[in-house]
Protein backbone atom coordinates (compact mmCIF):
# COMPACT_ATOMS: atom_id res chain seq x y z
CA MET A 1 50.00 -61.19 -82.80
CA LYS A 2 46.73 -59.97 -82.74
CA ASN A 3 45.69 -62.43 -79.90
CA ILE A 4 48.64 -61.44 -77.81
CA SER A 5 47.29 -57.61 -77.73
CA ASN A 6 43.38 -58.33 -77.95
CA PHE A 7 44.83 -60.94 -74.43
CA LEU A 8 46.88 -57.47 -73.23
CA SER A 9 43.69 -55.18 -73.84
CA TYR A 10 41.09 -57.02 -72.26
CA SER A 11 43.61 -57.77 -69.13
CA ARG A 12 44.37 -54.11 -68.32
CA THR A 13 40.68 -52.98 -68.38
CA PRO A 14 39.98 -54.60 -65.10
CA GLN A 15 43.01 -53.19 -63.29
CA LEU A 16 41.69 -49.63 -64.45
CA LEU A 17 37.94 -50.71 -63.09
CA LYS A 18 39.78 -52.34 -60.00
CA GLY A 19 42.24 -49.03 -59.40
CA ASN A 20 38.21 -46.89 -59.89
CA ILE A 21 36.74 -49.19 -57.17
CA PHE A 22 39.22 -48.18 -54.65
CA ALA A 23 39.59 -45.33 -55.21
CA MET A 24 35.52 -44.54 -54.56
CA SER A 25 35.95 -46.59 -51.34
CA ASP A 26 38.32 -44.85 -50.34
CA TYR A 27 36.46 -42.05 -49.06
CA SER A 28 33.65 -44.22 -46.96
CA ILE A 29 36.32 -46.46 -45.55
CA PRO A 30 36.09 -45.25 -41.65
CA GLY A 31 39.78 -45.52 -41.10
CA SER A 32 40.06 -42.91 -44.18
CA ASN A 33 42.39 -39.35 -44.14
CA ASN A 34 39.72 -37.51 -44.28
CA SER A 35 37.83 -38.88 -41.19
CA GLY A 36 40.86 -39.23 -38.95
CA SER A 37 41.80 -35.15 -39.82
CA PHE A 38 37.87 -34.49 -38.45
CA ALA A 39 38.53 -36.38 -35.07
CA SER A 40 42.08 -34.92 -34.86
CA ASN A 41 40.13 -31.36 -35.09
CA ASN A 42 37.50 -32.27 -32.08
CA GLY A 43 40.23 -33.83 -29.79
CA ASN A 44 41.78 -30.37 -30.08
CA SER A 45 38.41 -28.49 -29.41
CA PRO A 46 38.44 -26.46 -25.97
CA PHE A 47 34.66 -27.72 -24.91
CA SER A 48 35.21 -31.59 -25.81
CA PRO A 49 34.17 -33.61 -23.24
CA LYS A 50 37.17 -34.90 -21.98
CA LYS A 51 38.32 -31.04 -20.95
CA ILE A 52 35.43 -30.49 -19.52
CA LYS A 53 35.53 -33.18 -17.21
CA ARG A 54 39.37 -32.89 -16.78
CA PHE A 55 38.69 -28.97 -15.95
CA PHE A 56 35.82 -29.90 -13.55
CA ARG A 57 38.07 -32.85 -11.70
CA ASN A 58 41.53 -30.61 -11.47
CA SER A 59 40.48 -27.06 -11.51
CA PRO A 60 41.66 -24.67 -8.02
CA TYR A 61 38.68 -22.19 -9.34
CA LEU A 62 35.76 -25.48 -8.92
CA PRO A 63 34.68 -24.32 -5.04
CA PHE A 64 34.37 -20.65 -5.61
CA ILE A 65 32.36 -21.39 -8.82
CA VAL A 66 29.99 -23.72 -6.42
CA VAL A 67 29.50 -21.35 -3.64
CA ILE A 68 29.01 -18.08 -6.27
CA ILE A 69 25.94 -20.86 -8.09
CA LEU A 70 24.31 -21.52 -4.92
CA VAL A 71 24.66 -17.76 -3.44
CA VAL A 72 22.92 -16.64 -6.60
CA ILE A 73 20.15 -19.49 -6.28
CA VAL A 74 19.66 -18.90 -2.71
CA ALA A 75 18.76 -14.93 -3.65
CA ILE A 76 16.58 -15.24 -6.29
CA VAL A 77 14.67 -17.31 -3.91
CA ALA A 78 14.97 -15.27 -1.24
CA VAL A 79 14.02 -12.25 -3.62
CA ARG A 80 11.12 -14.36 -4.75
CA SER A 81 9.89 -15.15 -1.67
CA VAL A 82 9.82 -11.46 -0.32
CA VAL A 83 7.85 -10.74 -3.94
CA ASN A 84 5.01 -13.43 -2.96
CA LYS A 85 4.78 -12.26 0.63
CA SER A 86 3.82 -8.44 0.04
CA SER A 87 1.58 -9.44 -2.52
CA ALA A 88 -0.26 -11.89 -0.89
CA SER A 89 -0.33 -9.98 2.28
CA ALA A 90 -1.37 -6.17 0.64
CA PRO A 91 -4.57 -7.33 -0.55
CA SER A 92 -5.44 -9.36 3.01
CA ILE A 93 -4.68 -5.74 4.70
CA LEU A 94 -7.02 -3.61 2.40
CA SER A 95 -10.01 -6.79 2.77
CA THR A 96 -9.35 -6.38 6.59
CA ASP A 97 -10.33 -2.83 6.52
CA LYS A 98 -14.37 -2.20 7.35
CA ARG A 99 -13.64 1.61 8.42
CA GLU A 100 -16.74 3.73 6.87
CA ASN A 101 -16.02 6.05 4.02
CA ILE A 102 -17.97 9.33 4.01
CA ASN A 103 -18.25 12.16 1.35
CA LYS A 104 -15.73 15.28 2.12
CA PRO A 105 -17.02 18.59 3.62
CA ILE A 106 -19.03 20.71 1.07
CA ALA A 107 -16.83 23.55 3.05
CA GLN A 108 -15.10 23.96 6.08
CA GLN A 109 -13.79 26.78 8.68
CA LEU A 110 -11.17 27.10 11.59
CA LEU A 111 -12.06 28.56 14.58
CA ASN A 112 -9.81 27.45 16.86
CA ARG A 113 -11.64 29.59 19.72
CA SER A 114 -10.85 28.32 23.61
CA PHE A 115 -12.87 29.25 26.63
CA ASN A 116 -12.48 27.93 30.01
CA PHE A 117 -15.28 27.22 32.47
CA PRO A 118 -15.09 26.63 36.17
CA LEU A 119 -14.67 22.99 37.39
CA LYS A 120 -17.27 23.18 40.73
CA ASP A 121 -17.33 20.17 43.35
CA GLY A 122 -20.71 19.17 45.23
CA THR A 123 -20.57 22.05 47.56
CA GLY A 124 -20.48 24.14 44.47
CA LYS A 125 -16.81 25.02 44.94
CA GLU A 126 -14.56 25.54 42.20
CA VAL A 127 -11.64 22.91 42.08
CA SER A 128 -10.11 23.81 38.50
CA GLN A 129 -10.80 25.26 35.43
CA LEU A 130 -12.00 23.15 31.90
CA LYS A 131 -10.74 23.97 28.90
CA TYR A 132 -13.46 24.40 25.78
CA GLU A 133 -12.13 24.43 22.68
CA ILE A 134 -13.79 24.84 19.11
CA GLN A 135 -11.33 23.99 16.51
CA SER A 136 -13.43 23.83 13.11
CA ALA A 137 -16.55 23.80 11.76
CA GLU A 138 -18.08 21.89 8.53
CA LEU A 139 -20.82 21.27 6.41
CA ARG A 140 -21.44 17.92 4.89
CA ASP A 141 -24.22 15.90 3.61
CA GLN A 142 -22.84 12.78 4.98
CA ILE A 143 -21.62 12.01 9.05
CA ILE A 144 -20.41 9.03 10.32
CA VAL A 145 -22.63 8.70 13.79
CA LYS A 146 -21.99 5.22 16.00
CA GLY A 147 -19.57 3.81 13.52
CA GLN A 148 -22.47 4.00 11.13
CA SER A 149 -22.78 6.51 7.77
CA ALA A 150 -25.84 8.90 7.92
CA SER A 151 -26.78 10.71 4.85
CA ALA A 152 -28.82 14.39 5.10
CA VAL A 153 -31.97 13.99 3.08
CA LYS A 154 -32.79 16.22 0.33
CA GLY A 155 -32.72 20.19 1.25
CA ARG A 156 -30.95 19.32 4.20
CA VAL A 157 -27.51 19.37 5.30
CA PHE A 158 -25.32 18.72 8.52
CA LEU A 159 -23.47 21.41 10.20
CA ILE A 160 -19.94 19.51 12.75
CA LEU A 161 -18.70 21.25 15.09
CA SER A 162 -15.19 19.48 15.96
CA LEU A 163 -14.26 20.01 20.36
CA LYS A 164 -11.20 19.61 22.07
CA ILE A 165 -11.74 19.31 25.54
CA THR A 166 -9.17 19.29 28.51
CA ASN A 167 -9.44 18.77 31.89
CA SER A 168 -6.43 19.73 34.25
CA TYR A 169 -7.84 17.98 37.33
CA ASP A 170 -6.27 15.35 38.99
CA LYS A 171 -9.77 13.73 39.08
CA SER A 172 -11.71 12.73 35.97
CA VAL A 173 -14.73 14.66 34.47
CA GLN A 174 -18.41 14.02 32.87
CA LEU A 175 -19.80 16.76 31.52
CA SER A 176 -22.70 17.33 28.33
CA SER A 177 -20.22 19.02 26.01
CA LYS A 178 -23.56 20.51 24.02
CA ASP A 179 -24.65 22.02 26.68
CA TYR A 180 -22.08 24.91 26.16
CA VAL A 181 -23.12 25.97 22.37
CA ARG A 182 -26.36 26.65 20.91
CA LEU A 183 -27.04 27.42 17.09
CA ILE A 184 -28.64 30.58 15.74
CA THR A 185 -30.02 30.74 11.94
CA GLY A 186 -30.16 33.66 10.15
CA SER A 187 -32.20 36.45 12.34
CA SER A 188 -34.34 34.02 14.19
CA PRO A 189 -34.54 34.13 17.95
CA GLU A 190 -34.34 30.44 18.33
CA LYS A 191 -31.54 28.60 19.46
CA LEU A 192 -30.61 25.09 18.76
CA ALA A 193 -28.94 22.56 20.32
CA ALA A 194 -27.13 19.94 19.20
CA ASP A 195 -29.17 16.72 17.74
CA ILE A 196 -25.66 14.64 17.08
CA HIS A 197 -22.98 14.24 20.20
CA ASN A 198 -21.44 11.64 22.45
CA ASP A 199 -22.43 12.80 25.52
CA PRO A 200 -21.85 12.31 28.23
CA VAL A 201 -18.02 12.65 27.74
CA ASP A 202 -15.70 11.09 30.02
CA VAL A 203 -12.14 13.24 30.17
CA GLN A 204 -9.76 11.56 32.34
CA ALA A 205 -8.62 13.27 35.36
CA ILE A 206 -5.16 15.63 33.45
CA SER A 207 -6.01 14.41 29.71
CA THR A 208 -7.43 15.56 26.67
CA LYS A 209 -11.10 14.60 24.90
CA TYR A 210 -11.61 14.75 21.16
CA THR A 211 -15.59 14.89 20.37
CA ARG A 212 -18.14 16.62 17.96
CA LEU A 213 -21.24 18.73 17.85
CA GLY A 214 -23.73 18.18 15.01
CA PHE A 215 -27.03 20.21 13.64
CA PRO A 216 -29.05 19.53 10.82
CA ILE A 217 -30.03 22.71 9.07
CA ASN A 218 -31.69 23.71 5.81
CA ASP A 219 -28.77 24.02 2.70
CA THR A 220 -30.10 27.64 1.89
CA GLU A 221 -28.94 28.85 5.33
CA LYS A 222 -26.15 31.75 4.63
CA SER A 223 -26.56 33.37 8.37
CA LEU A 224 -24.90 30.85 11.13
CA THR A 225 -23.99 32.15 14.82
CA ILE A 226 -22.87 29.47 17.16
CA GLN A 227 -23.46 31.02 20.87
CA VAL A 228 -20.94 29.62 23.01
CA GLY A 229 -20.85 29.46 27.59
CA GLU A 230 -22.58 27.91 30.47
CA ILE A 231 -25.86 28.03 30.32
CA SER A 232 -26.64 29.89 33.53
CA GLY A 233 -22.99 32.33 32.32
CA LYS A 234 -22.02 34.68 30.34
CA LYS A 235 -21.78 33.83 26.60
CA ASP A 236 -19.97 34.82 23.20
CA LEU A 237 -20.99 34.91 19.62
CA ILE A 238 -19.11 33.44 16.91
CA THR A 239 -20.24 34.05 13.06
CA LEU A 240 -19.32 31.27 10.53
CA ASN A 241 -17.74 32.02 7.19
CA LEU A 242 -18.00 28.57 5.93
CA LYS A 243 -16.35 28.51 2.14
């Protein structure tokens, strides 16, 4: 009986070990229940590859989605192109601007004084009237002469008169604008002619011409008067009050 009981005990032990080995190996077998449940959950996902392929193959909204994507891409490309062109063109415009910059006026005064002078033919007969208007007076330490900037030397300044000349005649007129204006400084009896001018000024038939006259003066001069009129005609005096 003792041998039989020992045999039975020995025969049970391998069965228990065998059962344990099977139990442990169940969790690692590819066909186990846990692995199957995971595959089932993955197949139910709305983002599974099969469902995505099926959507793009059968969805009636696919053409609209493609069109919208294309429109967005085209809009982005167009906006970038416009921005690049605008940013590229702005520096080129600035780089080609070769105009001279000059300082602002030290002082200025609006005058808007008009004078009418006769236009005569070769026989001395008056054929029309020339309108000669002094629009403003300015004191400047820098001016433009023939496209180039010129600066006054220390202790000097430029008196600039802006003129507007209108020719109502049906023929062009050429005149010396400086002959109609003289400058008187302080109580001096001297009358100064303009050293800076564009004479002779051509004023085309029935047209208006803008020009300037300039007088270099001392920057200490406080009393300035301009005399306006024909050389052999009546003169008018304008006292300047530049601020």
